[in-house]
Amino acid sequence: MRGKASKKNEGGKLVRVKVVYDDKIREVDITGDFFLEPPESLEVLEKALEGISIRENCEKMLELLEEVDAELIGFSREDIVGCLEEVVR
């Protein structure tokens, strides 16, 4: 299955998450008009979620994202998890 969700933050920044999944998350694509430091950490954030069960709770998904050393500017790890939840639930 495929799905996508997006969130626009109070500051006007948009985060969009596209997901390919079955019983597990197979692919994640995070896009939007936000910033990340370092920029190459975006791919690491996406890979951190691949392979986990869609039945995992939000806290587990958030833990995986928190392990990635990245500064998110204009969005949060919670925004990513919220979009994922919207798609797979």
C-alpha atoms as a PDB file:
ATOM      1  CA  MET A   1       0.000   0.000   0.000  1.00  0.00           C
ATOM      2  CA  ARG A   2       0.988   3.594  -0.461  1.00  0.00           C
ATOM      3  CA  GLY A   3      -0.055   6.700   1.356  1.00  0.00           C
ATOM      4  CA  LYS A   4       0.927  10.232   2.165  1.00  0.00           C
ATOM      5  CA  ALA A   5       0.178  12.824   4.789  1.00  0.00           C
ATOM      6  CA  SER A   6       1.322  16.346   5.420  1.00  0.00           C
ATOM      7  CA  LYS A   7       1.379  18.914   8.181  1.00  0.00           C
ATOM      8  CA  LYS A   8       1.837  22.659   8.039  1.00  0.00           C
ATOM      9  CA  ASN A   9       3.332  24.064  11.228  1.00  0.00           C
ATOM     10  CA  GLU A  10       2.440  27.358  12.904  1.00  0.00           C
ATOM     11  CA  GLY A  11       5.611  28.896  11.480  1.00  0.00           C
ATOM     12  CA  GLY A  12       4.406  28.047   7.984  1.00  0.00           C
ATOM     13  CA  LYS A  13       6.781  25.149   7.318  1.00  0.00           C
ATOM     14  CA  LEU A  14       5.356  22.120   5.523  1.00  0.00           C
ATOM     15  CA  VAL A  15       6.333  18.517   6.148  1.00  0.00           C
ATOM     16  CA  ARG A  16       5.113  15.774   3.782  1.00  0.00           C
ATOM     17  CA  VAL A  17       5.622  12.057   4.385  1.00  0.00           C
ATOM     18  CA  LYS A  18       5.063   9.444   1.667  1.00  0.00           C
ATOM     19  CA  VAL A  19       5.068   5.813   2.763  1.00  0.00           C
ATOM     20  CA  VAL A  20       5.086   2.413   1.068  1.00  0.00           C
ATOM     21  CA  TYR A  21       3.986  -0.261   3.509  1.00  0.00           C
ATOM     22  CA  ASP A  22       2.344  -3.618   4.083  1.00  0.00           C
ATOM     23  CA  ASP A  23       2.671  -5.043   7.584  1.00  0.00           C
ATOM     24  CA  LYS A  24       5.963  -3.100   7.802  1.00  0.00           C
ATOM     25  CA  ILE A  25       7.123   0.273   6.597  1.00  0.00           C
ATOM     26  CA  ARG A  26       9.032  -0.438   3.383  1.00  0.00           C
ATOM     27  CA  GLU A  27       9.904   3.062   2.121  1.00  0.00           C
ATOM     28  CA  VAL A  28       9.675   6.531   3.607  1.00  0.00           C
ATOM     29  CA  ASP A  29      10.111   9.808   1.733  1.00  0.00           C
ATOM     30  CA  ILE A  30      10.147  12.999   3.821  1.00  0.00           C
ATOM     31  CA  THR A  31       9.859  16.277   1.926  1.00  0.00           C
ATOM     32  CA  GLY A  32       8.813  19.847   2.607  1.00  0.00           C
ATOM     33  CA  ASP A  33      10.087  23.386   3.000  1.00  0.00           C
ATOM     34  CA  PHE A  34      12.044  22.761   6.196  1.00  0.00           C
ATOM     35  CA  PHE A  35      15.755  22.612   6.948  1.00  0.00           C
ATOM     36  CA  LEU A  36      17.998  19.950   8.483  1.00  0.00           C
ATOM     37  CA  GLU A  37      21.519  20.079   9.822  1.00  0.00           C
ATOM     38  CA  PRO A  38      23.395  18.257   8.495  1.00  0.00           C
ATOM     39  CA  PRO A  39      21.361  18.042   5.266  1.00  0.00           C
ATOM     40  CA  GLU A  40      22.400  14.427   4.612  1.00  0.00           C
ATOM     41  CA  SER A  41      20.652  13.349   7.831  1.00  0.00           C
ATOM     42  CA  LEU A  42      17.326  13.328   5.970  1.00  0.00           C
ATOM     43  CA  GLU A  43      18.161   9.989   4.381  1.00  0.00           C
ATOM     44  CA  VAL A  44      19.202   8.634   7.786  1.00  0.00           C
ATOM     45  CA  LEU A  45      15.841   9.692   9.280  1.00  0.00           C
ATOM     46  CA  GLU A  46      13.989   7.942   6.459  1.00  0.00           C
ATOM     47  CA  LYS A  47      16.056   4.736   6.786  1.00  0.00           C
ATOM     48  CA  ALA A  48      15.536   4.675  10.579  1.00  0.00           C
ATOM     49  CA  LEU A  49      11.836   3.969  10.027  1.00  0.00           C
ATOM     50  CA  GLU A  50      12.114   1.374   7.283  1.00  0.00           C
ATOM     51  CA  GLY A  51      11.398  -2.177   8.344  1.00  0.00           C
ATOM     52  CA  ILE A  52       9.421  -1.420  11.485  1.00  0.00           C
ATOM     53  CA  SER A  53       5.962  -2.856  11.977  1.00  0.00           C
ATOM     54  CA  ILE A  54       3.056  -0.516  11.293  1.00  0.00           C
ATOM     55  CA  ARG A  55       1.670  -1.757  14.605  1.00  0.00           C
ATOM     56  CA  GLU A  56       4.468  -0.085  16.547  1.00  0.00           C
ATOM     57  CA  ASN A  57       3.319   2.722  18.768  1.00  0.00           C
ATOM     58  CA  CYS A  58       4.249   6.357  18.283  1.00  0.00           C
ATOM     59  CA  GLU A  59       6.753   6.270  21.122  1.00  0.00           C
ATOM     60  CA  LYS A  60       8.789   3.519  19.410  1.00  0.00           C
ATOM     61  CA  MET A  61       8.826   5.427  16.110  1.00  0.00           C
ATOM     62  CA  LEU A  62       9.877   8.576  17.947  1.00  0.00           C
ATOM     63  CA  GLU A  63      12.673   6.692  19.744  1.00  0.00           C
ATOM     64  CA  LEU A  64      14.066   5.536  16.401  1.00  0.00           C
ATOM     65  CA  LEU A  65      14.051   9.086  15.042  1.00  0.00           C
ATOM     66  CA  GLU A  66      15.649  10.483  18.203  1.00  0.00           C
ATOM     67  CA  GLU A  67      18.632   8.185  17.660  1.00  0.00           C
ATOM     68  CA  VAL A  68      19.489  10.131  14.499  1.00  0.00           C
ATOM     69  CA  ASP A  69      21.896  12.996  15.170  1.00  0.00           C
ATOM     70  CA  ALA A  70      20.160  15.836  13.348  1.00  0.00           C
ATOM     71  CA  GLU A  71      18.837  19.297  14.062  1.00  0.00           C
ATOM     72  CA  LEU A  72      15.356  19.693  12.586  1.00  0.00           C
ATOM     73  CA  ILE A  73      14.528  23.296  11.725  1.00  0.00           C
ATOM     74  CA  GLY A  74      10.916  24.217  11.019  1.00  0.00           C
ATOM     75  CA  PHE A  75       9.495  20.814  11.950  1.00  0.00           C
ATOM     76  CA  SER A  76       9.866  18.100  14.564  1.00  0.00           C
ATOM     77  CA  ARG A  77      10.262  14.378  14.893  1.00  0.00           C
ATOM     78  CA  GLU A  78       6.735  14.362  16.317  1.00  0.00           C
ATOM     79  CA  ASP A  79       5.490  15.879  13.030  1.00  0.00           C
ATOM     80  CA  ILE A  80       7.013  12.960  11.106  1.00  0.00           C
ATOM     81  CA  VAL A  81       5.480  10.385  13.457  1.00  0.00           C
ATOM     82  CA  GLY A  82       2.099  12.128  13.274  1.00  0.00           C
ATOM     83  CA  CYS A  83       2.122  11.917   9.482  1.00  0.00           C
ATOM     84  CA  LEU A  84       3.148   8.260   9.585  1.00  0.00           C
ATOM     85  CA  GLU A  85       0.342   7.482  12.017  1.00  0.00           C
ATOM     86  CA  GLU A  86      -2.156   9.230   9.755  1.00  0.00           C
ATOM     87  CA  VAL A  87      -1.084   7.096   6.792  1.00  0.00           C
ATOM     88  CA  VAL A  88      -0.848   3.626   8.328  1.00  0.00           C
ATOM     89  CA  ARG A  89      -3.745   3.710  10.816  1.00  0.00           C
END
